[in-house]
Every structure is written in structure tokens, then in C-alpha cells.
Amino acid sequence: MVRTPALSFAFLMLALSTLSAATVDPATVTCKEYNSDSHQGMQDIISAVYDATRGDPKLGTLKESKLGETIDKACAANPDAKVIDALH
């Protein structure tokens, strides 16, 4: 009997977290958005850019964590650029 409300609560929290997660368009996200976003937002951007650059000869060889470091440096140098443009 106690398990039913607990499971209901768990499913509700899972559903709400899924609904609140915004999708990131790696072609349009800017360095300003990246630099001002929360830690989770930055991770979402890194993940989206990572997925989008798997076929890129230069960026496709990087691991996701290394791509994050590269985005940090590129956006620091080009704060007004789109993330994908700052990387090239």
C-alpha cells in the first residue's frame, strides 16, 4: 500500500524532469547561451554538439569531455559566435 504512492511520486518526478528538459539545436546555440547557462544546460549543449559533430574530421575524434574543454576555450575567444562556428 505504501509502495503505490511512492511509485506514483517517482513516475511523476521522472515525467516532470523529462518535460522540463529543453532540446538543444547545435546549429543555433550561441556562446552567450552556453556561457550563461547552468551546469546542466552546458552539459546538454556539449552533448548536442558532440552528437552533431561525430562525422566532422576535426571534432569527431574528440571525447565528449575533451569537446567540452574545447567549447570552453572557443567560446571564451569568440563570445558572440555560435558554438559550432567558434569551434571551426
N, C-alpha and C. Protein backbone atom coordinates (compact mmCIF):
# COMPACT_ATOMS: atom_id res chain seq x y z
N MET A 1 0.81 -1.19 0.00
CA MET A 1 0.00 0.00 0.00
C MET A 1 0.86 1.25 0.00
N VAL A 2 1.94 1.24 0.76
CA VAL A 2 2.83 2.39 0.82
C VAL A 2 3.62 2.53 -0.48
N ARG A 3 3.85 1.42 -1.14
CA ARG A 3 4.63 1.45 -2.37
C ARG A 3 3.92 2.19 -3.49
N THR A 4 2.62 2.12 -3.55
CA THR A 4 1.87 2.75 -4.65
C THR A 4 2.07 4.26 -4.67
N PRO A 5 1.90 4.99 -3.56
CA PRO A 5 2.16 6.43 -3.61
C PRO A 5 3.63 6.75 -3.90
N ALA A 6 4.53 5.95 -3.37
CA ALA A 6 5.95 6.20 -3.63
C ALA A 6 6.28 6.00 -5.10
N LEU A 7 5.76 4.95 -5.71
CA LEU A 7 5.98 4.73 -7.13
C LEU A 7 5.32 5.81 -7.98
N SER A 8 4.14 6.21 -7.58
CA SER A 8 3.44 7.28 -8.31
C SER A 8 4.26 8.56 -8.26
N PHE A 9 4.80 8.87 -7.11
CA PHE A 9 5.63 10.07 -6.96
C PHE A 9 6.88 9.97 -7.83
N ALA A 10 7.51 8.81 -7.85
CA ALA A 10 8.72 8.61 -8.65
C ALA A 10 8.42 8.80 -10.14
N PHE A 11 7.32 8.23 -10.61
CA PHE A 11 6.97 8.38 -12.02
C PHE A 11 6.61 9.83 -12.35
N LEU A 12 5.95 10.51 -11.44
CA LEU A 12 5.60 11.92 -11.65
C LEU A 12 6.86 12.77 -11.77
N MET A 13 7.83 12.55 -10.89
CA MET A 13 9.08 13.32 -10.93
C MET A 13 9.85 13.03 -12.21
N LEU A 14 9.85 11.79 -12.64
CA LEU A 14 10.52 11.43 -13.88
C LEU A 14 9.86 12.12 -15.06
N ALA A 15 8.54 12.13 -15.09
CA ALA A 15 7.81 12.77 -16.18
C ALA A 15 8.05 14.28 -16.19
N LEU A 16 8.07 14.90 -15.04
CA LEU A 16 8.31 16.34 -14.98
C LEU A 16 9.72 16.71 -15.40
N SER A 17 10.69 15.90 -15.02
CA SER A 17 12.06 16.21 -15.43
C SER A 17 12.22 16.03 -16.93
N THR A 18 11.53 15.09 -17.52
CA THR A 18 11.58 14.89 -18.96
C THR A 18 10.93 16.06 -19.70
N LEU A 19 9.83 16.53 -19.18
CA LEU A 19 9.15 17.66 -19.81
C LEU A 19 9.94 18.95 -19.70
N SER A 20 10.67 19.14 -18.62
CA SER A 20 11.39 20.39 -18.41
C SER A 20 12.71 20.43 -19.18
N ALA A 21 13.20 19.31 -19.64
CA ALA A 21 14.45 19.28 -20.38
C ALA A 21 14.24 19.86 -21.77
N ALA A 22 14.94 20.93 -22.05
CA ALA A 22 14.82 21.58 -23.34
C ALA A 22 15.77 20.91 -24.33
N THR A 23 15.33 20.82 -25.56
CA THR A 23 16.20 20.28 -26.58
C THR A 23 17.12 21.39 -27.07
N VAL A 24 18.31 21.03 -27.42
CA VAL A 24 19.32 21.98 -27.86
C VAL A 24 19.55 21.78 -29.35
N ASP A 25 19.50 22.87 -30.09
CA ASP A 25 19.82 22.82 -31.51
C ASP A 25 21.29 23.23 -31.66
N PRO A 26 22.18 22.29 -31.94
CA PRO A 26 23.60 22.61 -32.00
C PRO A 26 23.95 23.59 -33.12
N ALA A 27 23.09 23.73 -34.10
CA ALA A 27 23.37 24.65 -35.20
C ALA A 27 23.09 26.10 -34.84
N THR A 28 22.29 26.33 -33.80
CA THR A 28 21.91 27.71 -33.49
C THR A 28 22.31 28.18 -32.10
N VAL A 29 22.75 27.29 -31.22
CA VAL A 29 23.09 27.70 -29.86
C VAL A 29 24.33 28.60 -29.89
N THR A 30 24.29 29.67 -29.11
CA THR A 30 25.38 30.64 -29.12
C THR A 30 26.30 30.47 -27.91
N CYS A 31 27.47 31.06 -28.02
CA CYS A 31 28.41 31.02 -26.90
C CYS A 31 27.86 31.80 -25.71
N LYS A 32 27.11 32.87 -25.97
CA LYS A 32 26.50 33.61 -24.87
C LYS A 32 25.54 32.72 -24.10
N GLU A 33 24.73 31.94 -24.83
CA GLU A 33 23.82 30.99 -24.18
C GLU A 33 24.61 29.95 -23.40
N TYR A 34 25.66 29.43 -24.00
CA TYR A 34 26.49 28.42 -23.35
C TYR A 34 27.11 28.96 -22.07
N ASN A 35 27.72 30.14 -22.17
CA ASN A 35 28.42 30.72 -21.03
C ASN A 35 27.49 31.13 -19.89
N SER A 36 26.24 31.47 -20.20
CA SER A 36 25.32 31.93 -19.16
C SER A 36 24.40 30.82 -18.65
N ASP A 37 24.51 29.63 -19.22
CA ASP A 37 23.61 28.54 -18.84
C ASP A 37 24.06 27.87 -17.54
N SER A 38 23.18 27.10 -16.95
CA SER A 38 23.50 26.32 -15.76
C SER A 38 24.47 25.20 -16.13
N HIS A 39 24.98 24.52 -15.13
CA HIS A 39 25.89 23.40 -15.40
C HIS A 39 25.19 22.34 -16.26
N GLN A 40 23.95 22.02 -15.90
CA GLN A 40 23.21 21.02 -16.68
C GLN A 40 22.95 21.51 -18.09
N GLY A 41 22.66 22.80 -18.24
CA GLY A 41 22.45 23.37 -19.57
C GLY A 41 23.70 23.28 -20.43
N MET A 42 24.85 23.55 -19.80
CA MET A 42 26.12 23.43 -20.53
C MET A 42 26.36 21.99 -20.94
N GLN A 43 26.06 21.05 -20.06
CA GLN A 43 26.23 19.64 -20.38
C GLN A 43 25.31 19.23 -21.53
N ASP A 44 24.09 19.76 -21.55
CA ASP A 44 23.15 19.46 -22.64
C ASP A 44 23.68 20.00 -23.97
N ILE A 45 24.25 21.20 -23.94
CA ILE A 45 24.82 21.79 -25.16
C ILE A 45 26.01 20.97 -25.63
N ILE A 46 26.90 20.61 -24.72
CA ILE A 46 28.07 19.79 -25.08
C ILE A 46 27.61 18.47 -25.69
N SER A 47 26.63 17.84 -25.09
CA SER A 47 26.13 16.57 -25.60
C SER A 47 25.52 16.71 -26.99
N ALA A 48 24.75 17.78 -27.21
CA ALA A 48 24.14 18.01 -28.52
C ALA A 48 25.20 18.29 -29.59
N VAL A 49 26.19 19.10 -29.24
CA VAL A 49 27.27 19.40 -30.20
C VAL A 49 28.10 18.14 -30.45
N TYR A 50 28.33 17.37 -29.41
CA TYR A 50 29.08 16.11 -29.56
C TYR A 50 28.38 15.19 -30.55
N ASP A 51 27.08 15.02 -30.40
CA ASP A 51 26.32 14.17 -31.31
C ASP A 51 26.34 14.71 -32.73
N ALA A 52 26.28 16.03 -32.87
CA ALA A 52 26.23 16.65 -34.19
C ALA A 52 27.57 16.63 -34.92
N THR A 53 28.66 16.47 -34.19
CA THR A 53 29.98 16.55 -34.81
C THR A 53 30.67 15.20 -34.97
N ARG A 54 29.95 14.11 -34.82
CA ARG A 54 30.58 12.79 -34.94
C ARG A 54 31.18 12.58 -36.32
N GLY A 55 30.64 13.17 -37.36
CA GLY A 55 31.17 12.98 -38.70
C GLY A 55 32.22 14.00 -39.10
N ASP A 56 32.49 14.97 -38.24
CA ASP A 56 33.47 16.02 -38.53
C ASP A 56 34.89 15.46 -38.38
N PRO A 57 35.74 15.68 -39.39
CA PRO A 57 37.08 15.10 -39.32
C PRO A 57 37.91 15.65 -38.15
N LYS A 58 37.72 16.90 -37.79
CA LYS A 58 38.50 17.51 -36.71
C LYS A 58 37.88 17.22 -35.34
N LEU A 59 36.59 17.46 -35.21
CA LEU A 59 35.93 17.37 -33.91
C LEU A 59 35.43 15.96 -33.60
N GLY A 60 35.24 15.15 -34.62
CA GLY A 60 34.69 13.81 -34.43
C GLY A 60 35.58 12.87 -33.65
N THR A 61 36.85 13.19 -33.56
CA THR A 61 37.78 12.32 -32.84
C THR A 61 37.85 12.62 -31.34
N LEU A 62 37.28 13.75 -30.93
CA LEU A 62 37.33 14.15 -29.52
C LEU A 62 36.32 13.38 -28.68
N LYS A 63 36.71 13.05 -27.45
CA LYS A 63 35.76 12.50 -26.49
C LYS A 63 34.89 13.65 -26.01
N GLU A 64 33.73 13.33 -25.46
CA GLU A 64 32.78 14.36 -25.04
C GLU A 64 33.39 15.32 -24.01
N SER A 65 34.16 14.82 -23.09
CA SER A 65 34.77 15.69 -22.07
C SER A 65 35.79 16.64 -22.69
N LYS A 66 36.56 16.15 -23.64
CA LYS A 66 37.55 16.99 -24.32
C LYS A 66 36.85 18.02 -25.20
N LEU A 67 35.73 17.64 -25.80
CA LEU A 67 34.96 18.60 -26.59
C LEU A 67 34.44 19.71 -25.69
N GLY A 68 34.04 19.38 -24.47
CA GLY A 68 33.59 20.40 -23.52
C GLY A 68 34.69 21.41 -23.22
N GLU A 69 35.91 20.93 -23.03
CA GLU A 69 37.05 21.82 -22.79
C GLU A 69 37.30 22.69 -24.03
N THR A 70 37.17 22.11 -25.20
CA THR A 70 37.38 22.84 -26.44
C THR A 70 36.31 23.91 -26.62
N ILE A 71 35.06 23.59 -26.29
CA ILE A 71 33.98 24.58 -26.37
C ILE A 71 34.24 25.72 -25.39
N ASP A 72 34.69 25.39 -24.18
CA ASP A 72 35.01 26.43 -23.19
C ASP A 72 36.01 27.42 -23.76
N LYS A 73 37.09 26.92 -24.34
CA LYS A 73 38.14 27.78 -24.89
C LYS A 73 37.65 28.56 -26.10
N ALA A 74 36.91 27.89 -26.99
CA ALA A 74 36.43 28.54 -28.20
C ALA A 74 35.43 29.65 -27.88
N CYS A 75 34.56 29.41 -26.91
CA CYS A 75 33.56 30.41 -26.55
C CYS A 75 34.18 31.56 -25.75
N ALA A 76 35.26 31.29 -25.04
CA ALA A 76 35.97 32.38 -24.35
C ALA A 76 36.61 33.32 -25.37
N ALA A 77 37.10 32.76 -26.46
CA ALA A 77 37.74 33.56 -27.51
C ALA A 77 36.74 34.23 -28.44
N ASN A 78 35.54 33.64 -28.59
CA ASN A 78 34.52 34.14 -29.52
C ASN A 78 33.16 34.20 -28.84
N PRO A 79 32.97 35.08 -27.86
CA PRO A 79 31.73 35.06 -27.07
C PRO A 79 30.46 35.42 -27.84
N ASP A 80 30.60 36.05 -28.99
CA ASP A 80 29.41 36.44 -29.77
C ASP A 80 29.07 35.47 -30.88
N ALA A 81 29.84 34.40 -31.01
CA ALA A 81 29.65 33.44 -32.11
C ALA A 81 28.70 32.33 -31.70
N LYS A 82 28.20 31.60 -32.69
CA LYS A 82 27.51 30.36 -32.43
C LYS A 82 28.56 29.35 -32.00
N VAL A 83 28.20 28.43 -31.14
CA VAL A 83 29.16 27.46 -30.62
C VAL A 83 29.82 26.69 -31.76
N ILE A 84 29.03 26.22 -32.68
CA ILE A 84 29.56 25.42 -33.79
C ILE A 84 30.53 26.23 -34.65
N ASP A 85 30.25 27.53 -34.83
CA ASP A 85 31.16 28.39 -35.60
C ASP A 85 32.44 28.68 -34.82
N ALA A 86 32.33 28.86 -33.52
CA ALA A 86 33.50 29.13 -32.69
C ALA A 86 34.47 27.95 -32.71
N LEU A 87 33.95 26.76 -32.90
CA LEU A 87 34.80 25.56 -32.92
C LEU A 87 35.60 25.43 -34.22
N HIS A 88 35.15 26.06 -35.27
CA HIS A 88 35.85 25.93 -36.56
C HIS A 88 36.64 27.12 -36.82
